[in-house]
Amino acid sequence: MRITKFLFVGSVLLALGCRSAVAPQAMTITGAVHYADGTPVAKASVSIRGQAQTLSDDEGRYTIRLVVVPGTVEIRATDENRGGARAGTNYGTAQVEVHGGYLRQDIVLDVFQPI
C-alpha cells in the first residue's frame, strides 16, 4: 500500500512539472575587467567554461548569470589585440566558489600571450 501511495504521489508531482525536490539555484557574478594599470577594458570577453559568456561594457563592467553547480569555477576574461607590435591576447583569470546568490569579482588582465 505504501509503495502504491508513493508511486501515485510521485506521478502527480511529475505531471505537475515537479522534476526534483531541490530546485537548482541561480547565481549572479558581477565585476569589472581592467589592465594591471587600472585602465578598464571595454568589450572584453568574460566566460565560465561551459556555462556562461558575456562582454564587458565600455567601462569594463560585466554581469554573468548561471545555474549553480557547487564547487569552484574559473572566470576568464580576454581582450584580443590583433594589430601593432603586440599582436596577441591579454587575459586574466579568477577562481571563485559558486554557491548561489550574488558575488562581485574583478578580473585583471595581467598575462599576455603573443600570436
PDB file of N, CA and C in Angstrom:
ATOM      1  N   MET A   1       0.813  -1.199   0.000  1.00  0.00           N
ATOM      2  CA  MET A   1       0.000   0.000   0.000  1.00  0.00           C
ATOM      3  C   MET A   1       0.852   1.256   0.000  1.00  0.00           C
ATOM      4  N   ARG A   2       1.946   1.272   0.815  1.00  0.00           N
ATOM      5  CA  ARG A   2       2.817   2.452   0.867  1.00  0.00           C
ATOM      6  C   ARG A   2       3.478   2.716  -0.483  1.00  0.00           C
ATOM      7  N   ILE A   3       3.905   1.655  -1.140  1.00  0.00           N
ATOM      8  CA  ILE A   3       4.556   1.816  -2.442  1.00  0.00           C
ATOM      9  C   ILE A   3       3.572   2.394  -3.441  1.00  0.00           C
ATOM     10  N   THR A   4       2.332   1.946  -3.407  1.00  0.00           N
ATOM     11  CA  THR A   4       1.312   2.460  -4.317  1.00  0.00           C
ATOM     12  C   THR A   4       1.086   3.949  -4.079  1.00  0.00           C
ATOM     13  N   LYS A   5       0.989   4.370  -2.800  1.00  0.00           N
ATOM     14  CA  LYS A   5       0.818   5.794  -2.482  1.00  0.00           C
ATOM     15  C   LYS A   5       2.027   6.599  -2.974  1.00  0.00           C
ATOM     16  N   PHE A   6       3.207   6.093  -2.731  1.00  0.00           N
ATOM     17  CA  PHE A   6       4.425   6.784  -3.132  1.00  0.00           C
ATOM     18  C   PHE A   6       4.458   6.974  -4.648  1.00  0.00           C
ATOM     19  N   LEU A   7       4.144   5.905  -5.380  1.00  0.00           N
ATOM     20  CA  LEU A   7       4.136   5.995  -6.835  1.00  0.00           C
ATOM     21  C   LEU A   7       3.063   6.957  -7.324  1.00  0.00           C
ATOM     22  N   PHE A   8       1.898   6.957  -6.677  1.00  0.00           N
ATOM     23  CA  PHE A   8       0.823   7.867  -7.064  1.00  0.00           C
ATOM     24  C   PHE A   8       1.234   9.318  -6.836  1.00  0.00           C
ATOM     25  N   VAL A   9       1.769   9.620  -5.650  1.00  0.00           N
ATOM     26  CA  VAL A   9       2.188  10.990  -5.335  1.00  0.00           C
ATOM     27  C   VAL A   9       3.314  11.423  -6.278  1.00  0.00           C
ATOM     28  N   GLY A  10       4.266  10.545  -6.523  1.00  0.00           N
ATOM     29  CA  GLY A  10       5.350  10.862  -7.444  1.00  0.00           C
ATOM     30  C   GLY A  10       4.843  11.140  -8.843  1.00  0.00           C
ATOM     31  N   SER A  11       3.867  10.367  -9.298  1.00  0.00           N
ATOM     32  CA  SER A  11       3.290  10.568 -10.631  1.00  0.00           C
ATOM     33  C   SER A  11       2.571  11.902 -10.724  1.00  0.00           C
ATOM     34  N   VAL A  12       1.841  12.257  -9.678  1.00  0.00           N
ATOM     35  CA  VAL A  12       1.124  13.538  -9.652  1.00  0.00           C
ATOM     36  C   VAL A  12       2.120  14.694  -9.687  1.00  0.00           C
ATOM     37  N   LEU A  13       3.164  14.624  -8.872  1.00  0.00           N
ATOM     38  CA  LEU A  13       4.163  15.691  -8.853  1.00  0.00           C
ATOM     39  C   LEU A  13       4.858  15.823 -10.205  1.00  0.00           C
ATOM     40  N   LEU A  14       5.183  14.713 -10.819  1.00  0.00           N
ATOM     41  CA  LEU A  14       5.812  14.737 -12.125  1.00  0.00           C
ATOM     42  C   LEU A  14       4.878  15.347 -13.162  1.00  0.00           C
ATOM     43  N   ALA A  15       3.598  14.995 -13.103  1.00  0.00           N
ATOM     44  CA  ALA A  15       2.613  15.536 -14.034  1.00  0.00           C
ATOM     45  C   ALA A  15       2.448  17.040 -13.847  1.00  0.00           C
ATOM     46  N   LEU A  16       2.642  17.527 -12.629  1.00  0.00           N
ATOM     47  CA  LEU A  16       2.519  18.961 -12.355  1.00  0.00           C
ATOM     48  C   LEU A  16       3.789  19.729 -12.710  1.00  0.00           C
ATOM     49  N   GLY A  17       4.797  19.045 -13.154  1.00  0.00           N
ATOM     50  CA  GLY A  17       6.020  19.711 -13.573  1.00  0.00           C
ATOM     51  C   GLY A  17       7.123  19.718 -12.537  1.00  0.00           C
ATOM     52  N   CYS A  18       6.954  19.048 -11.436  1.00  0.00           N
ATOM     53  CA  CYS A  18       7.991  18.985 -10.409  1.00  0.00           C
ATOM     54  C   CYS A  18       9.008  17.927 -10.822  1.00  0.00           C
ATOM     55  N   ARG A  19      10.209  18.339 -11.097  1.00  0.00           N
ATOM     56  CA  ARG A  19      11.239  17.409 -11.530  1.00  0.00           C
ATOM     57  C   ARG A  19      12.089  16.919 -10.367  1.00  0.00           C
ATOM     58  N   SER A  20      12.210  17.745  -9.342  1.00  0.00           N
ATOM     59  CA  SER A  20      13.083  17.392  -8.237  1.00  0.00           C
ATOM     60  C   SER A  20      12.607  18.107  -6.987  1.00  0.00           C
ATOM     61  N   ALA A  21      12.910  17.541  -5.856  1.00  0.00           N
ATOM     62  CA  ALA A  21      12.556  18.185  -4.599  1.00  0.00           C
ATOM     63  C   ALA A  21      13.459  19.388  -4.330  1.00  0.00           C
ATOM     64  N   VAL A  22      14.627  19.428  -4.963  1.00  0.00           N
ATOM     65  CA  VAL A  22      15.558  20.530  -4.784  1.00  0.00           C
ATOM     66  C   VAL A  22      15.711  21.270  -6.107  1.00  0.00           C
ATOM     67  N   ALA A  23      15.283  22.530  -6.128  1.00  0.00           N
ATOM     68  CA  ALA A  23      15.392  23.327  -7.347  1.00  0.00           C
ATOM     69  C   ALA A  23      16.822  23.846  -7.496  1.00  0.00           C
ATOM     70  N   PRO A  24      17.335  23.926  -8.726  1.00  0.00           N
ATOM     71  CA  PRO A  24      18.669  24.473  -8.923  1.00  0.00           C
ATOM     72  C   PRO A  24      18.708  25.942  -8.508  1.00  0.00           C
ATOM     73  N   GLN A  25      19.842  26.383  -7.972  1.00  0.00           N
ATOM     74  CA  GLN A  25      19.988  27.766  -7.561  1.00  0.00           C
ATOM     75  C   GLN A  25      20.650  28.575  -8.661  1.00  0.00           C
ATOM     76  N   ALA A  26      20.225  29.825  -8.764  1.00  0.00           N
ATOM     77  CA  ALA A  26      20.836  30.738  -9.712  1.00  0.00           C
ATOM     78  C   ALA A  26      21.880  31.577  -8.980  1.00  0.00           C
ATOM     79  N   MET A  27      22.844  32.058  -9.736  1.00  0.00           N
ATOM     80  CA  MET A  27      23.880  32.910  -9.167  1.00  0.00           C
ATOM     81  C   MET A  27      24.199  34.011 -10.159  1.00  0.00           C
ATOM     82  N   THR A  28      24.461  35.198  -9.635  1.00  0.00           N
ATOM     83  CA  THR A  28      24.871  36.329 -10.450  1.00  0.00           C
ATOM     84  C   THR A  28      26.265  36.754 -10.013  1.00  0.00           C
ATOM     85  N   ILE A  29      27.170  36.841 -10.971  1.00  0.00           N
ATOM     86  CA  ILE A  29      28.528  37.308 -10.713  1.00  0.00           C
ATOM     87  C   ILE A  29      28.711  38.601 -11.495  1.00  0.00           C
ATOM     88  N   THR A  30      29.112  39.663 -10.800  1.00  0.00           N
ATOM     89  CA  THR A  30      29.386  40.933 -11.451  1.00  0.00           C
ATOM     90  C   THR A  30      30.803  41.365 -11.117  1.00  0.00           C
ATOM     91  N   GLY A  31      31.315  42.290 -11.890  1.00  0.00           N
ATOM     92  CA  GLY A  31      32.649  42.806 -11.617  1.00  0.00           C
ATOM     93  C   GLY A  31      33.100  43.709 -12.734  1.00  0.00           C
ATOM     94  N   ALA A  32      34.387  43.990 -12.750  1.00  0.00           N
ATOM     95  CA  ALA A  32      34.981  44.834 -13.785  1.00  0.00           C
ATOM     96  C   ALA A  32      36.261  44.174 -14.278  1.00  0.00           C
ATOM     97  N   VAL A  33      36.544  44.407 -15.547  1.00  0.00           N
ATOM     98  CA  VAL A  33      37.767  43.899 -16.162  1.00  0.00           C
ATOM     99  C   VAL A  33      38.667  45.099 -16.417  1.00  0.00           C
ATOM    100  N   HIS A  34      39.929  44.991 -15.986  1.00  0.00           N
ATOM    101  CA  HIS A  34      40.860  46.091 -16.228  1.00  0.00           C
ATOM    102  C   HIS A  34      42.276  45.549 -16.409  1.00  0.00           C
ATOM    103  N   TYR A  35      43.115  46.404 -16.994  1.00  0.00           N
ATOM    104  CA  TYR A  35      44.537  46.063 -17.139  1.00  0.00           C
ATOM    105  C   TYR A  35      45.231  46.278 -15.808  1.00  0.00           C
ATOM    106  N   ALA A  36      46.465  45.828 -15.695  1.00  0.00           N
ATOM    107  CA  ALA A  36      47.232  45.944 -14.450  1.00  0.00           C
ATOM    108  C   ALA A  36      47.378  47.397 -14.002  1.00  0.00           C
ATOM    109  N   ASP A  37      47.348  48.349 -14.961  1.00  0.00           N
ATOM    110  CA  ASP A  37      47.481  49.763 -14.600  1.00  0.00           C
ATOM    111  C   ASP A  37      46.155  50.402 -14.187  1.00  0.00           C
ATOM    112  N   GLY A  38      45.071  49.594 -14.150  1.00  0.00           N
ATOM    113  CA  GLY A  38      43.769  50.094 -13.721  1.00  0.00           C
ATOM    114  C   GLY A  38      42.857  50.558 -14.839  1.00  0.00           C
ATOM    115  N   THR A  39      43.339  50.584 -16.070  1.00  0.00           N
ATOM    116  CA  THR A  39      42.530  51.007 -17.212  1.00  0.00           C
ATOM    117  C   THR A  39      41.425  49.979 -17.467  1.00  0.00           C
ATOM    118  N   PRO A  40      40.147  50.423 -17.537  1.00  0.00           N
ATOM    119  CA  PRO A  40      39.063  49.471 -17.822  1.00  0.00           C
ATOM    120  C   PRO A  40      39.168  48.909 -19.235  1.00  0.00           C
ATOM    121  N   VAL A  41      38.707  47.682 -19.411  1.00  0.00           N
ATOM    122  CA  VAL A  41      38.760  47.004 -20.708  1.00  0.00           C
ATOM    123  C   VAL A  41      37.347  46.889 -21.272  1.00  0.00           C
ATOM    124  N   ALA A  42      37.073  47.670 -22.310  1.00  0.00           N
ATOM    125  CA  ALA A  42      35.767  47.613 -22.975  1.00  0.00           C
ATOM    126  C   ALA A  42      35.719  46.402 -23.907  1.00  0.00           C
ATOM    127  N   LYS A  43      34.582  45.772 -23.977  1.00  0.00           N
ATOM    128  CA  LYS A  43      34.325  44.639 -24.890  1.00  0.00           C
ATOM    129  C   LYS A  43      35.231  43.437 -24.635  1.00  0.00           C
ATOM    130  N   ALA A  44      35.665  43.252 -23.397  1.00  0.00           N
ATOM    131  CA  ALA A  44      36.420  42.043 -23.057  1.00  0.00           C
ATOM    132  C   ALA A  44      35.452  40.868 -23.019  1.00  0.00           C
ATOM    133  N   SER A  45      35.898  39.725 -23.474  1.00  0.00           N
ATOM    134  CA  SER A  45      35.097  38.512 -23.385  1.00  0.00           C
ATOM    135  C   SER A  45      35.286  37.919 -21.985  1.00  0.00           C
ATOM    136  N   VAL A  46      34.183  37.729 -21.266  1.00  0.00           N
ATOM    137  CA  VAL A  46      34.219  37.169 -19.915  1.00  0.00           C
ATOM    138  C   VAL A  46      33.425  35.874 -19.943  1.00  0.00           C
ATOM    139  N   SER A  47      34.039  34.776 -19.466  1.00  0.00           N
ATOM    140  CA  SER A  47      33.343  33.492 -19.586  1.00  0.00           C
ATOM    141  C   SER A  47      33.664  32.555 -18.425  1.00  0.00           C
ATOM    142  N   ILE A  48      32.724  31.641 -18.224  1.00  0.00           N
ATOM    143  CA  ILE A  48      32.910  30.490 -17.349  1.00  0.00           C
ATOM    144  C   ILE A  48      32.711  29.291 -18.269  1.00  0.00           C
ATOM    145  N   ARG A  49      33.765  28.544 -18.480  1.00  0.00           N
ATOM    146  CA  ARG A  49      33.762  27.469 -19.474  1.00  0.00           C
ATOM    147  C   ARG A  49      32.554  26.553 -19.332  1.00  0.00           C
ATOM    148  N   GLY A  50      31.841  26.405 -20.442  1.00  0.00           N
ATOM    149  CA  GLY A  50      30.705  25.503 -20.497  1.00  0.00           C
ATOM    150  C   GLY A  50      29.447  25.997 -19.806  1.00  0.00           C
ATOM    151  N   GLN A  51      29.467  27.216 -19.260  1.00  0.00           N
ATOM    152  CA  GLN A  51      28.296  27.679 -18.526  1.00  0.00           C
ATOM    153  C   GLN A  51      27.755  29.023 -18.989  1.00  0.00           C
ATOM    154  N   ALA A  52      28.612  30.029 -19.146  1.00  0.00           N
ATOM    155  CA  ALA A  52      28.117  31.365 -19.458  1.00  0.00           C
ATOM    156  C   ALA A  52      29.211  32.196 -20.102  1.00  0.00           C
ATOM    157  N   GLN A  53      28.785  33.190 -20.898  1.00  0.00           N
ATOM    158  CA  GLN A  53      29.729  34.103 -21.532  1.00  0.00           C
ATOM    159  C   GLN A  53      29.042  35.437 -21.759  1.00  0.00           C
ATOM    160  N   THR A  54      29.820  36.518 -21.655  1.00  0.00           N
ATOM    161  CA  THR A  54      29.299  37.852 -21.901  1.00  0.00           C
ATOM    162  C   THR A  54      30.442  38.758 -22.320  1.00  0.00           C
ATOM    163  N   LEU A  55      30.124  40.006 -22.665  1.00  0.00           N
ATOM    164  CA  LEU A  55      31.128  41.023 -22.962  1.00  0.00           C
ATOM    165  C   LEU A  55      31.043  42.123 -21.922  1.00  0.00           C
ATOM    166  N   SER A  56      32.187  42.702 -21.576  1.00  0.00           N
ATOM    167  CA  SER A  56      32.171  43.838 -20.660  1.00  0.00           C
ATOM    168  C   SER A  56      31.676  45.071 -21.417  1.00  0.00           C
ATOM    169  N   ASP A  57      31.113  46.028 -20.660  1.00  0.00           N
ATOM    170  CA  ASP A  57      30.619  47.254 -21.279  1.00  0.00           C
ATOM    171  C   ASP A  57      31.786  48.231 -21.505  1.00  0.00           C
ATOM    172  N   ASP A  58      31.481  49.464 -21.912  1.00  0.00           N
ATOM    173  CA  ASP A  58      32.525  50.446 -22.221  1.00  0.00           C
ATOM    174  C   ASP A  58      33.376  50.825 -21.014  1.00  0.00           C
ATOM    175  N   GLU A  59      32.872  50.573 -19.812  1.00  0.00           N
ATOM    176  CA  GLU A  59      33.626  50.879 -18.589  1.00  0.00           C
ATOM    177  C   GLU A  59      34.228  49.617 -17.961  1.00  0.00           C
ATOM    178  N   GLY A  60      34.187  48.499 -18.706  1.00  0.00           N
ATOM    179  CA  GLY A  60      34.792  47.257 -18.247  1.00  0.00           C
ATOM    180  C   GLY A  60      33.909  46.409 -17.343  1.00  0.00           C
ATOM    181  N   ARG A  61      32.678  46.845 -17.073  1.00  0.00           N
ATOM    182  CA  ARG A  61      31.797  46.097 -16.159  1.00  0.00           C
ATOM    183  C   ARG A  61      31.134  44.928 -16.885  1.00  0.00           C
ATOM    184  N   TYR A  62      30.913  43.844 -16.131  1.00  0.00           N
ATOM    185  CA  TYR A  62      30.248  42.664 -16.697  1.00  0.00           C
ATOM    186  C   TYR A  62      29.293  42.060 -15.668  1.00  0.00           C
ATOM    187  N   THR A  63      28.339  41.288 -16.179  1.00  0.00           N
ATOM    188  CA  THR A  63      27.427  40.504 -15.343  1.00  0.00           C
ATOM    189  C   THR A  63      27.248  39.148 -16.009  1.00  0.00           C
ATOM    190  N   ILE A  64      27.416  38.090 -15.217  1.00  0.00           N
ATOM    191  CA  ILE A  64      27.170  36.724 -15.695  1.00  0.00           C
ATOM    192  C   ILE A  64      26.150  36.087 -14.762  1.00  0.00           C
ATOM    193  N   ARG A  65      25.150  35.449 -15.353  1.00  0.00           N
ATOM    194  CA  ARG A  65      24.168  34.685 -14.581  1.00  0.00           C
ATOM    195  C   ARG A  65      24.314  33.223 -14.957  1.00  0.00           C
ATOM    196  N   LEU A  66      24.286  32.358 -13.933  1.00  0.00           N
ATOM    197  CA  LEU A  66      24.455  30.938 -14.206  1.00  0.00           C
ATOM    198  C   LEU A  66      23.673  30.108 -13.196  1.00  0.00           C
ATOM    199  N   VAL A  67      23.440  28.859 -13.561  1.00  0.00           N
ATOM    200  CA  VAL A  67      22.847  27.895 -12.647  1.00  0.00           C
ATOM    201  C   VAL A  67      24.003  27.259 -11.890  1.00  0.00           C
ATOM    202  N   VAL A  68      23.865  27.218 -10.588  1.00  0.00           N
ATOM    203  CA  VAL A  68      24.955  26.778  -9.723  1.00  0.00           C
ATOM    204  C   VAL A  68      25.129  25.269  -9.732  1.00  0.00           C
ATOM    205  N   VAL A  69      26.363  24.869  -9.987  1.00  0.00           N
ATOM    206  CA  VAL A  69      26.825  23.518  -9.714  1.00  0.00           C
ATOM    207  C   VAL A  69      27.894  23.736  -8.646  1.00  0.00           C
ATOM    208  N   PRO A  70      27.594  23.396  -7.384  1.00  0.00           N
ATOM    209  CA  PRO A  70      28.507  23.743  -6.286  1.00  0.00           C
ATOM    210  C   PRO A  70      29.953  23.342  -6.556  1.00  0.00           C
ATOM    211  N   GLY A  71      30.847  24.235  -6.213  1.00  0.00           N
ATOM    212  CA  GLY A  71      32.270  23.987  -6.391  1.00  0.00           C
ATOM    213  C   GLY A  71      32.985  25.253  -6.806  1.00  0.00           C
ATOM    214  N   THR A  72      34.179  25.087  -7.318  1.00  0.00           N
ATOM    215  CA  THR A  72      34.992  26.213  -7.757  1.00  0.00           C
ATOM    216  C   THR A  72      34.966  26.287  -9.277  1.00  0.00           C
ATOM    217  N   VAL A  73      34.792  27.490  -9.809  1.00  0.00           N
ATOM    218  CA  VAL A  73      34.848  27.696 -11.254  1.00  0.00           C
ATOM    219  C   VAL A  73      35.886  28.767 -11.555  1.00  0.00           C
ATOM    220  N   GLU A  74      36.359  28.766 -12.791  1.00  0.00           N
ATOM    221  CA  GLU A  74      37.308  29.778 -13.228  1.00  0.00           C
ATOM    222  C   GLU A  74      36.588  30.758 -14.138  1.00  0.00           C
ATOM    223  N   ILE A  75      36.679  32.041 -13.798  1.00  0.00           N
ATOM    224  CA  ILE A  75      36.188  33.091 -14.675  1.00  0.00           C
ATOM    225  C   ILE A  75      37.393  33.564 -15.477  1.00  0.00           C
ATOM    226  N   ARG A  76      37.239  33.636 -16.785  1.00  0.00           N
ATOM    227  CA  ARG A  76      38.346  34.048 -17.656  1.00  0.00           C
ATOM    228  C   ARG A  76      37.905  35.258 -18.470  1.00  0.00           C
ATOM    229  N   ALA A  77      38.756  36.273 -18.512  1.00  0.00           N
ATOM    230  CA  ALA A  77      38.496  37.458 -19.326  1.00  0.00           C
ATOM    231  C   ALA A  77      39.628  37.606 -20.325  1.00  0.00           C
ATOM    232  N   THR A  78      39.283  37.930 -21.576  1.00  0.00           N
ATOM    233  CA  THR A  78      40.286  38.105 -22.620  1.00  0.00           C
ATOM    234  C   THR A  78      40.002  39.361 -23.426  1.00  0.00           C
ATOM    235  N   ASP A  79      41.063  39.956 -23.940  1.00  0.00           N
ATOM    236  CA  ASP A  79      40.983  41.128 -24.802  1.00  0.00           C
ATOM    237  C   ASP A  79      41.974  40.898 -25.925  1.00  0.00           C
ATOM    238  N   GLU A  80      41.475  40.582 -27.099  1.00  0.00           N
ATOM    239  CA  GLU A  80      42.362  40.263 -28.208  1.00  0.00           C
ATOM    240  C   GLU A  80      42.816  41.528 -28.917  1.00  0.00           C
ATOM    241  N   ASN A  81      44.109  41.621 -29.119  1.00  0.00           N
ATOM    242  CA  ASN A  81      44.721  42.750 -29.813  1.00  0.00           C
ATOM    243  C   ASN A  81      45.379  42.180 -31.061  1.00  0.00           C
ATOM    244  N   ARG A  82      44.820  42.472 -32.202  1.00  0.00           N
ATOM    245  CA  ARG A  82      45.301  41.852 -33.447  1.00  0.00           C
ATOM    246  C   ARG A  82      46.240  42.743 -34.263  1.00  0.00           C
ATOM    247  N   GLY A  83      46.597  43.910 -33.771  1.00  0.00           N
ATOM    248  CA  GLY A  83      47.425  44.791 -34.593  1.00  0.00           C
ATOM    249  C   GLY A  83      48.643  45.303 -33.857  1.00  0.00           C
ATOM    250  N   GLY A  84      49.526  45.953 -34.597  1.00  0.00           N
ATOM    251  CA  GLY A  84      50.688  46.587 -33.993  1.00  0.00           C
ATOM    252  C   GLY A  84      51.759  45.602 -33.591  1.00  0.00           C
ATOM    253  N   ALA A  85      52.703  46.093 -32.809  1.00  0.00           N
ATOM    254  CA  ALA A  85      53.851  45.298 -32.395  1.00  0.00           C
ATOM    255  C   ALA A  85      53.490  44.244 -31.363  1.00  0.00           C
ATOM    256  N   ARG A  86      52.375  44.427 -30.650  1.00  0.00           N
ATOM    257  CA  ARG A  86      51.986  43.480 -29.595  1.00  0.00           C
ATOM    258  C   ARG A  86      50.740  42.696 -29.995  1.00  0.00           C
ATOM    259  N   ALA A  87      50.769  42.046 -31.127  1.00  0.00           N
ATOM    260  CA  ALA A  87      49.630  41.233 -31.550  1.00  0.00           C
ATOM    261  C   ALA A  87      49.540  40.002 -30.659  1.00  0.00           C
ATOM    262  N   GLY A  88      48.373  39.793 -30.081  1.00  0.00           N
ATOM    263  CA  GLY A  88      48.184  38.647 -29.200  1.00  0.00           C
ATOM    264  C   GLY A  88      46.952  38.825 -28.339  1.00  0.00           C
ATOM    265  N   THR A  89      46.897  38.101 -27.246  1.00  0.00           N
ATOM    266  CA  THR A  89      45.742  38.128 -26.360  1.00  0.00           C
ATOM    267  C   THR A  89      46.183  38.457 -24.939  1.00  0.00           C
ATOM    268  N   ASN A  90      45.531  39.453 -24.351  1.00  0.00           N
ATOM    269  CA  ASN A  90      45.694  39.741 -22.929  1.00  0.00           C
ATOM    270  C   ASN A  90      44.610  38.962 -22.201  1.00  0.00           C
ATOM    271  N   TYR A  91      44.964  38.316 -21.101  1.00  0.00           N
ATOM    272  CA  TYR A  91      43.921  37.613 -20.357  1.00  0.00           C
ATOM    273  C   TYR A  91      44.233  37.591 -18.869  1.00  0.00           C
ATOM    274  N   GLY A  92      43.183  37.295 -18.127  1.00  0.00           N
ATOM    275  CA  GLY A  92      43.300  37.144 -16.687  1.00  0.00           C
ATOM    276  C   GLY A  92      42.241  36.165 -16.219  1.00  0.00           C
ATOM    277  N   THR A  93      42.472  35.540 -15.082  1.00  0.00           N
ATOM    278  CA  THR A  93      41.521  34.574 -14.549  1.00  0.00           C
ATOM    279  C   THR A  93      41.305  34.812 -13.060  1.00  0.00           C
ATOM    280  N   ALA A  94      40.197  34.294 -12.574  1.00  0.00           N
ATOM    281  CA  ALA A  94      39.906  34.320 -11.142  1.00  0.00           C
ATOM    282  C   ALA A  94      39.188  33.026 -10.792  1.00  0.00           C
ATOM    283  N   GLN A  95      39.569  32.409  -9.701  1.00  0.00           N
ATOM    284  CA  GLN A  95      38.899  31.206  -9.193  1.00  0.00           C
ATOM    285  C   GLN A  95      37.874  31.660  -8.148  1.00  0.00           C
ATOM    286  N   VAL A  96      36.628  31.230  -8.305  1.00  0.00           N
ATOM    287  CA  VAL A  96      35.594  31.611  -7.342  1.00  0.00           C
ATOM    288  C   VAL A  96      34.794  30.388  -6.913  1.00  0.00           C
ATOM    289  N   GLU A  97      34.319  30.411  -5.695  1.00  0.00           N
ATOM    290  CA  GLU A  97      33.430  29.382  -5.141  1.00  0.00           C
ATOM    291  C   GLU A  97      32.008  29.769  -5.517  1.00  0.00           C
ATOM    292  N   VAL A  98      31.286  28.871  -6.171  1.00  0.00           N
ATOM    293  CA  VAL A  98      29.890  29.148  -6.524  1.00  0.00           C
ATOM    294  C   VAL A  98      28.971  28.473  -5.520  1.00  0.00           C
ATOM    295  N   HIS A  99      27.948  29.192  -5.118  1.00  0.00           N
ATOM    296  CA  HIS A  99      27.070  28.711  -4.057  1.00  0.00           C
ATOM    297  C   HIS A  99      25.649  29.243  -4.190  1.00  0.00           C
ATOM    298  N   GLY A 100      25.384  30.069  -5.148  1.00  0.00           N
ATOM    299  CA  GLY A 100      24.079  30.702  -5.291  1.00  0.00           C
ATOM    300  C   GLY A 100      24.144  32.111  -4.755  1.00  0.00           C
ATOM    301  N   GLY A 101      23.209  32.941  -5.200  1.00  0.00           N
ATOM    302  CA  GLY A 101      23.169  34.311  -4.716  1.00  0.00           C
ATOM    303  C   GLY A 101      23.958  35.249  -5.596  1.00  0.00           C
ATOM    304  N   TYR A 102      24.770  36.099  -4.962  1.00  0.00           N
ATOM    305  CA  TYR A 102      25.465  37.185  -5.642  1.00  0.00           C
ATOM    306  C   TYR A 102      26.939  37.208  -5.243  1.00  0.00           C
ATOM    307  N   LEU A 103      27.799  37.521  -6.206  1.00  0.00           N
ATOM    308  CA  LEU A 103      29.233  37.628  -5.942  1.00  0.00           C
ATOM    309  C   LEU A 103      29.814  38.716  -6.827  1.00  0.00           C
ATOM    310  N   ARG A 104      30.722  39.517  -6.271  1.00  0.00           N
ATOM    311  CA  ARG A 104      31.461  40.500  -7.073  1.00  0.00           C
ATOM    312  C   ARG A 104      32.895  40.012  -7.213  1.00  0.00           C
ATOM    313  N   GLN A 105      33.390  39.982  -8.482  1.00  0.00           N
ATOM    314  CA  GLN A 105      34.749  39.535  -8.745  1.00  0.00           C
ATOM    315  C   GLN A 105      35.340  40.343  -9.896  1.00  0.00           C
ATOM    316  N   ASP A 106      36.324  41.188  -9.587  1.00  0.00           N
ATOM    317  CA  ASP A 106      37.039  41.913 -10.633  1.00  0.00           C
ATOM    318  C   ASP A 106      38.117  40.998 -11.217  1.00  0.00           C
ATOM    319  N   ILE A 107      38.487  41.278 -12.469  1.00  0.00           N
ATOM    320  CA  ILE A 107      39.496  40.474 -13.149  1.00  0.00           C
ATOM    321  C   ILE A 107      40.536  41.410 -13.755  1.00  0.00           C
ATOM    322  N   VAL A 108      41.794  41.116 -13.481  1.00  0.00           N
ATOM    323  CA  VAL A 108      42.909  41.891 -14.024  1.00  0.00           C
ATOM    324  C   VAL A 108      43.526  41.110 -15.181  1.00  0.00           C
ATOM    325  N   LEU A 109      43.651  41.777 -16.340  1.00  0.00           N
ATOM    326  CA  LEU A 109      44.305  41.147 -17.487  1.00  0.00           C
ATOM    327  C   LEU A 109      45.804  41.344 -17.313  1.00  0.00           C
ATOM    328  N   ASP A 110      46.433  40.366 -16.684  1.00  0.00           N
ATOM    329  CA  ASP A 110      47.853  40.503 -16.329  1.00  0.00           C
ATOM    330  C   ASP A 110      48.763  39.518 -17.054  1.00  0.00           C
ATOM    331  N   VAL A 111      48.217  38.808 -18.035  1.00  0.00           N
ATOM    332  CA  VAL A 111      49.017  37.862 -18.821  1.00  0.00           C
ATOM    333  C   VAL A 111      48.861  38.221 -20.300  1.00  0.00           C
ATOM    334  N   PHE A 112      49.968  38.231 -21.024  1.00  0.00           N
ATOM    335  CA  PHE A 112      49.941  38.483 -22.478  1.00  0.00           C
ATOM    336  C   PHE A 112      50.459  37.259 -23.195  1.00  0.00           C
ATOM    337  N   GLN A 113      49.691  36.788 -24.155  1.00  0.00           N
ATOM    338  CA  GLN A 113      50.072  35.620 -24.954  1.00  0.00           C
ATOM    339  C   GLN A 113      50.196  36.062 -26.419  1.00  0.00           C
ATOM    340  N   PRO A 114      51.429  36.174 -26.923  1.00  0.00           N
ATOM    341  CA  PRO A 114      51.610  36.602 -28.324  1.00  0.00           C
ATOM    342  C   PRO A 114      51.101  35.540 -29.297  1.00  0.00           C
ATOM    343  N   ILE A 115      50.723  36.006 -30.492  1.00  0.00           N
ATOM    344  CA  ILE A 115      50.297  35.044 -31.522  1.00  0.00           C
ATOM    345  C   ILE A 115      51.381  34.867 -32.553  1.00  0.00           C
TER     346      ILE A 115
END
